[in-house]
Structure formats: structure tokens, C-alpha cells
Amino acid sequence: MHSELVASRSADPRDSRESRNGSPQLDTVSLAIIEQLQQDGRRPYAAIGKAVGLSEAAVRQRVQKLLDQGVMQIVAVTDPLTVGFRRQAMVGINVEGDLEPVADALTAMPEVEYVVMTAGSFDLLVEVVCEDDDHLLDVINKRIRILPGVRSTESFVYLKLKKQTYMWGTR
């Protein structure tokens, strides 16, 4: 039933229109393709096509369009522990003045995996991945805290990661 619904909408011209906020407006076929790739980023286009009711070539075109529009990326996600990074932490940062220069400086740091501007107790939340505690201390003390505008930091060291998923966007 789901694939019939998806197949019936495969020619929907809305797959390429933009919403009011400028982001691409995705139809059910594009969402179904994204869902297939979230389950397995190496899934063959022919298998995706069968699941969503399109030809392999049509899926290839849709995927390329989604990549070109910046809707998605196809990347290898590693477990930091298995590749030599033993310490992860979320760092809450309070900033005086403009957040943008601090966020830009943090974004340029190779240990920083995630930077988000927030409303609440912290101005910025930053996820860092380090080799060990000494590396984490160096990043926080000698690289983050010295940035102009950083008023304070609070670190939340990960003891165990129970869930990490990249499945948002299609539910």
C-alpha cells in the first residue's frame, strides 16, 4: 500500500518547489528515498526504486537533486571509540556580545563536531570528540576558553552513549 501511494505521486511536480522559508518542499517519493538511504546509505538505486515505485535512473536523479539542494548528505558515520577517540563531551558556552564570531571559531576546530546557537542557559552548545581527557582539557582550556567573547563554559562528559540516530526528517 505504501509503495502504491508513493508510486502514484512519483510525477508530483512539488518535489522541486521551495517552501515559504526557502527550503525545498519534498514530496512523499523524495521522503521515501531519504528513508531508504537512512536505513542503508549504500542501498542500490535499483532496490530503492523497487521500494518507492521508480526506475533506477529516476532514483539516481532524485538522489542527485537532494544532494545538490543540500537536503541530505551520504557519509560514513564512525563510532569514535573504535577509531581512537576515547572522550566525548558537550560543552555549554556563554558568550558576551555577538555569538557569530565565537560560533565560527568553534566550527573551524577539528575536534568540534557540532555547534548550535541556543536560547536558554547557554548561548552555544558544542560537541567535542577527543583522544583522551588531556586532549579534552587542552581543547576546553587552551582553545575554547581563550576565544574573545567566551564568558564561561560548562562541560558534560559522556559516560556512555545510549542512542545516536540520524533518522529525522521523514517522520
C-alpha atoms as a PDB file:
ATOM      1  CA  MET A   1       0.000   0.000   0.000  1.00  0.00           C
ATOM      2  CA  HIS A   2       2.741   2.471   0.935  1.00  0.00           C
ATOM      3  CA  SER A   3       4.662   1.804  -2.299  1.00  0.00           C
ATOM      4  CA  GLU A   4       1.443   2.252  -4.310  1.00  0.00           C
ATOM      5  CA  LEU A   5       0.887   5.656  -2.722  1.00  0.00           C
ATOM      6  CA  VAL A   6       4.491   6.585  -3.323  1.00  0.00           C
ATOM      7  CA  ALA A   7       4.384   5.400  -6.935  1.00  0.00           C
ATOM      8  CA  SER A   8       1.208   7.337  -7.635  1.00  0.00           C
ATOM      9  CA  ARG A   9       2.939  10.556  -6.536  1.00  0.00           C
ATOM     10  CA  SER A  10       6.225   9.931  -8.359  1.00  0.00           C
ATOM     11  CA  ALA A  11       5.451  12.547 -11.001  1.00  0.00           C
ATOM     12  CA  ASP A  12       4.373  15.179  -8.467  1.00  0.00           C
ATOM     13  CA  PRO A  13       5.951  18.469  -9.576  1.00  0.00           C
ATOM     14  CA  ARG A  14       6.167  19.690  -5.968  1.00  0.00           C
ATOM     15  CA  ASP A  15       9.303  17.615  -5.363  1.00  0.00           C
ATOM     16  CA  SER A  16      11.355  20.572  -6.590  1.00  0.00           C
ATOM     17  CA  ARG A  17       9.418  23.576  -5.306  1.00  0.00           C
ATOM     18  CA  GLU A  18      10.566  25.595  -2.335  1.00  0.00           C
ATOM     19  CA  SER A  19       8.537  26.231   0.799  1.00  0.00           C
ATOM     20  CA  ARG A  20       7.919  29.727   2.128  1.00  0.00           C
ATOM     21  CA  ASN A  21      11.127  29.626   4.176  1.00  0.00           C
ATOM     22  CA  GLY A  22      13.229  28.861   1.087  1.00  0.00           C
ATOM     23  CA  SER A  23      13.926  25.212   1.878  1.00  0.00           C
ATOM     24  CA  PRO A  24      12.988  22.534  -0.669  1.00  0.00           C
ATOM     25  CA  GLN A  25       9.468  21.173  -0.317  1.00  0.00           C
ATOM     26  CA  LEU A  26       9.741  17.385  -0.551  1.00  0.00           C
ATOM     27  CA  ASP A  27       7.076  15.061  -1.859  1.00  0.00           C
ATOM     28  CA  THR A  28       6.382  11.583  -0.481  1.00  0.00           C
ATOM     29  CA  VAL A  29       8.691   9.934  -3.038  1.00  0.00           C
ATOM     30  CA  SER A  30      11.697  12.039  -2.031  1.00  0.00           C
ATOM     31  CA  LEU A  31      10.942  11.396   1.642  1.00  0.00           C
ATOM     32  CA  ALA A  32      10.709   7.653   0.947  1.00  0.00           C
ATOM     33  CA  ILE A  33      14.074   7.719  -0.868  1.00  0.00           C
ATOM     34  CA  ILE A  34      15.648   9.548   2.079  1.00  0.00           C
ATOM     35  CA  GLU A  35      14.175   6.975   4.450  1.00  0.00           C
ATOM     36  CA  GLN A  36      15.650   4.136   2.383  1.00  0.00           C
ATOM     37  CA  LEU A  37      19.097   5.757   2.435  1.00  0.00           C
ATOM     38  CA  GLN A  38      18.882   6.431   6.184  1.00  0.00           C
ATOM     39  CA  GLN A  39      18.403   2.713   6.725  1.00  0.00           C
ATOM     40  CA  ASP A  40      21.364   1.889   4.461  1.00  0.00           C
ATOM     41  CA  GLY A  41      23.360   4.604   2.731  1.00  0.00           C
ATOM     42  CA  ARG A  42      24.800   2.004   0.344  1.00  0.00           C
ATOM     43  CA  ARG A  43      21.453   0.590  -0.741  1.00  0.00           C
ATOM     44  CA  PRO A  44      21.455   0.178  -4.544  1.00  0.00           C
ATOM     45  CA  TYR A  45      19.312   2.576  -6.543  1.00  0.00           C
ATOM     46  CA  ALA A  46      17.507  -0.391  -8.117  1.00  0.00           C
ATOM     47  CA  ALA A  47      16.434  -1.637  -4.662  1.00  0.00           C
ATOM     48  CA  ILE A  48      15.334   1.857  -3.652  1.00  0.00           C
ATOM     49  CA  GLY A  49      13.415   2.178  -6.910  1.00  0.00           C
ATOM     50  CA  LYS A  50      11.583  -1.064  -6.244  1.00  0.00           C
ATOM     51  CA  ALA A  51      10.646   0.114  -2.741  1.00  0.00           C
ATOM     52  CA  VAL A  52       9.389   3.528  -3.855  1.00  0.00           C
ATOM     53  CA  GLY A  53       7.961   2.665  -7.281  1.00  0.00           C
ATOM     54  CA  LEU A  54      10.500   4.404  -9.517  1.00  0.00           C
ATOM     55  CA  SER A  55      13.098   3.300 -12.035  1.00  0.00           C
ATOM     56  CA  GLU A  56      16.755   3.110 -11.028  1.00  0.00           C
ATOM     57  CA  ALA A  57      17.516   6.123 -13.235  1.00  0.00           C
ATOM     58  CA  ALA A  58      14.721   8.180 -11.660  1.00  0.00           C
ATOM     59  CA  VAL A  59      16.023   7.362  -8.172  1.00  0.00           C
ATOM     60  CA  ARG A  60      19.553   8.318  -9.238  1.00  0.00           C
ATOM     61  CA  GLN A  61      18.263  11.687 -10.492  1.00  0.00           C
ATOM     62  CA  ARG A  62      16.239  12.304  -7.325  1.00  0.00           C
ATOM     63  CA  VAL A  63      19.190  11.438  -5.071  1.00  0.00           C
ATOM     64  CA  GLN A  64      21.490  13.754  -7.015  1.00  0.00           C
ATOM     65  CA  LYS A  65      18.941  16.550  -6.759  1.00  0.00           C
ATOM     66  CA  LEU A  66      18.598  16.028  -2.993  1.00  0.00           C
ATOM     67  CA  LEU A  67      22.381  16.158  -2.656  1.00  0.00           C
ATOM     68  CA  ASP A  68      22.667  19.273  -4.860  1.00  0.00           C
ATOM     69  CA  GLN A  69      19.941  21.056  -2.875  1.00  0.00           C
ATOM     70  CA  GLY A  70      21.729  20.299   0.403  1.00  0.00           C
ATOM     71  CA  VAL A  71      18.736  18.343   1.700  1.00  0.00           C
ATOM     72  CA  MET A  72      20.964  15.408   2.619  1.00  0.00           C
ATOM     73  CA  GLN A  73      24.492  14.067   2.608  1.00  0.00           C
ATOM     74  CA  ILE A  74      25.629  10.489   2.270  1.00  0.00           C
ATOM     75  CA  VAL A  75      28.532   9.913   4.651  1.00  0.00           C
ATOM     76  CA  ALA A  76      30.198   7.160   6.651  1.00  0.00           C
ATOM     77  CA  VAL A  77      29.438   7.551  10.357  1.00  0.00           C
ATOM     78  CA  THR A  78      32.031   6.065  12.686  1.00  0.00           C
ATOM     79  CA  ASP A  79      31.935   5.142  16.341  1.00  0.00           C
ATOM     80  CA  PRO A  80      34.582   7.457  17.849  1.00  0.00           C
ATOM     81  CA  LEU A  81      35.626   4.816  20.398  1.00  0.00           C
ATOM     82  CA  THR A  82      36.585   2.341  17.677  1.00  0.00           C
ATOM     83  CA  VAL A  83      38.793   4.859  15.841  1.00  0.00           C
ATOM     84  CA  GLY A  84      40.833   6.093  18.805  1.00  0.00           C
ATOM     85  CA  PHE A  85      38.722   8.839  20.347  1.00  0.00           C
ATOM     86  CA  ARG A  86      38.047   7.904  23.956  1.00  0.00           C
ATOM     87  CA  ARG A  87      36.446  11.110  25.225  1.00  0.00           C
ATOM     88  CA  GLN A  88      33.335  12.928  24.040  1.00  0.00           C
ATOM     89  CA  ALA A  89      31.699  15.884  25.744  1.00  0.00           C
ATOM     90  CA  MET A  90      29.041  18.503  25.248  1.00  0.00           C
ATOM     91  CA  VAL A  91      30.263  21.951  26.211  1.00  0.00           C
ATOM     92  CA  GLY A  92      27.813  24.693  27.104  1.00  0.00           C
ATOM     93  CA  ILE A  93      29.257  28.138  26.394  1.00  0.00           C
ATOM     94  CA  ASN A  94      28.109  31.598  27.480  1.00  0.00           C
ATOM     95  CA  VAL A  95      29.246  34.474  25.296  1.00  0.00           C
ATOM     96  CA  GLU A  96      29.413  38.232  25.740  1.00  0.00           C
ATOM     97  CA  GLY A  97      28.367  40.116  22.645  1.00  0.00           C
ATOM     98  CA  ASP A  98      27.930  38.639  19.182  1.00  0.00           C
ATOM     99  CA  LEU A  99      27.695  34.842  19.033  1.00  0.00           C
ATOM    100  CA  GLU A 100      28.655  34.548  15.361  1.00  0.00           C
ATOM    101  CA  PRO A 101      32.444  35.054  15.649  1.00  0.00           C
ATOM    102  CA  VAL A 102      32.654  32.559  18.519  1.00  0.00           C
ATOM    103  CA  ALA A 103      30.489  30.027  16.651  1.00  0.00           C
ATOM    104  CA  ASP A 104      32.645  30.474  13.531  1.00  0.00           C
ATOM    105  CA  ALA A 105      35.870  29.922  15.507  1.00  0.00           C
ATOM    106  CA  LEU A 106      34.442  26.795  17.126  1.00  0.00           C
ATOM    107  CA  THR A 107      33.271  25.476  13.763  1.00  0.00           C
ATOM    108  CA  ALA A 108      36.847  25.683  12.481  1.00  0.00           C
ATOM    109  CA  MET A 109      38.207  23.416  15.262  1.00  0.00           C
ATOM    110  CA  PRO A 110      38.696  19.818  14.085  1.00  0.00           C
ATOM    111  CA  GLU A 111      37.622  18.364  17.457  1.00  0.00           C
ATOM    112  CA  VAL A 112      34.273  20.149  17.289  1.00  0.00           C
ATOM    113  CA  GLU A 113      31.585  18.032  15.642  1.00  0.00           C
ATOM    114  CA  TYR A 114      28.502  20.078  16.394  1.00  0.00           C
ATOM    115  CA  VAL A 115      27.823  23.757  17.056  1.00  0.00           C
ATOM    116  CA  VAL A 116      24.364  25.101  17.801  1.00  0.00           C
ATOM    117  CA  MET A 117      23.193  28.522  18.926  1.00  0.00           C
ATOM    118  CA  THR A 118      20.595  28.146  21.643  1.00  0.00           C
ATOM    119  CA  ALA A 119      18.085  30.013  23.738  1.00  0.00           C
ATOM    120  CA  GLY A 120      18.316  29.085  27.403  1.00  0.00           C
ATOM    121  CA  SER A 121      21.080  28.578  29.934  1.00  0.00           C
ATOM    122  CA  PHE A 122      23.819  28.560  27.292  1.00  0.00           C
ATOM    123  CA  ASP A 123      24.382  30.652  24.204  1.00  0.00           C
ATOM    124  CA  LEU A 124      26.137  27.811  22.377  1.00  0.00           C
ATOM    125  CA  LEU A 125      26.263  24.049  22.699  1.00  0.00           C
ATOM    126  CA  VAL A 126      29.301  22.347  21.228  1.00  0.00           C
ATOM    127  CA  GLU A 127      30.027  18.633  20.927  1.00  0.00           C
ATOM    128  CA  VAL A 128      33.715  17.743  21.032  1.00  0.00           C
ATOM    129  CA  VAL A 129      35.404  14.431  20.285  1.00  0.00           C
ATOM    130  CA  CYS A 130      38.886  13.976  21.769  1.00  0.00           C
ATOM    131  CA  GLU A 131      41.526  11.298  22.115  1.00  0.00           C
ATOM    132  CA  ASP A 132      41.525  11.364  25.923  1.00  0.00           C
ATOM    133  CA  ASP A 133      40.967  13.579  28.970  1.00  0.00           C
ATOM    134  CA  ASP A 134      44.221  15.509  28.432  1.00  0.00           C
ATOM    135  CA  HIS A 135      43.152  16.323  24.880  1.00  0.00           C
ATOM    136  CA  LEU A 136      39.705  17.425  26.108  1.00  0.00           C
ATOM    137  CA  LEU A 137      41.312  19.651  28.759  1.00  0.00           C
ATOM    138  CA  ASP A 138      43.554  21.218  26.118  1.00  0.00           C
ATOM    139  CA  VAL A 139      40.619  21.916  23.787  1.00  0.00           C
ATOM    140  CA  ILE A 140      38.484  23.485  26.513  1.00  0.00           C
ATOM    141  CA  ASN A 141      41.179  25.340  28.450  1.00  0.00           C
ATOM    142  CA  LYS A 142      43.573  26.464  25.731  1.00  0.00           C
ATOM    143  CA  ARG A 143      41.343  26.787  22.677  1.00  0.00           C
ATOM    144  CA  ILE A 144      37.711  27.414  23.667  1.00  0.00           C
ATOM    145  CA  ARG A 145      38.041  29.484  26.831  1.00  0.00           C
ATOM    146  CA  ILE A 146      40.569  31.857  25.254  1.00  0.00           C
ATOM    147  CA  LEU A 147      38.269  32.845  22.393  1.00  0.00           C
ATOM    148  CA  PRO A 148      37.316  36.526  22.539  1.00  0.00           C
ATOM    149  CA  GLY A 149      33.787  36.806  23.899  1.00  0.00           C
ATOM    150  CA  VAL A 150      33.690  33.478  25.755  1.00  0.00           C
ATOM    151  CA  ARG A 151      32.492  34.279  29.268  1.00  0.00           C
ATOM    152  CA  SER A 152      32.124  30.770  30.718  1.00  0.00           C
ATOM    153  CA  THR A 153      31.952  27.089  29.823  1.00  0.00           C
ATOM    154  CA  GLU A 154      30.380  24.042  31.410  1.00  0.00           C
ATOM    155  CA  SER A 155      31.381  20.568  30.275  1.00  0.00           C
ATOM    156  CA  PHE A 156      29.217  17.475  30.207  1.00  0.00           C
ATOM    157  CA  VAL A 157      31.474  14.449  29.720  1.00  0.00           C
ATOM    158  CA  TYR A 158      29.820  11.472  28.042  1.00  0.00           C
ATOM    159  CA  LEU A 159      29.994   8.359  30.199  1.00  0.00           C
ATOM    160  CA  LYS A 160      28.031   6.166  27.817  1.00  0.00           C
ATOM    161  CA  LEU A 161      26.199   6.915  24.594  1.00  0.00           C
ATOM    162  CA  LYS A 162      22.858   5.091  24.650  1.00  0.00           C
ATOM    163  CA  LYS A 163      21.327   6.378  21.429  1.00  0.00           C
ATOM    164  CA  GLN A 164      22.558   8.245  18.397  1.00  0.00           C
ATOM    165  CA  THR A 165      20.407   8.334  15.310  1.00  0.00           C
ATOM    166  CA  TYR A 166      20.240  10.228  12.056  1.00  0.00           C
ATOM    167  CA  MET A 167      16.688   9.253  11.146  1.00  0.00           C
ATOM    168  CA  TRP A 168      14.975  12.632  11.492  1.00  0.00           C
ATOM    169  CA  GLY A 169      13.286  14.340   8.626  1.00  0.00           C
ATOM    170  CA  THR A 170      10.930  11.688   7.302  1.00  0.00           C
ATOM    171  CA  ARG A 171       8.628  11.002  10.204  1.00  0.00           C
END
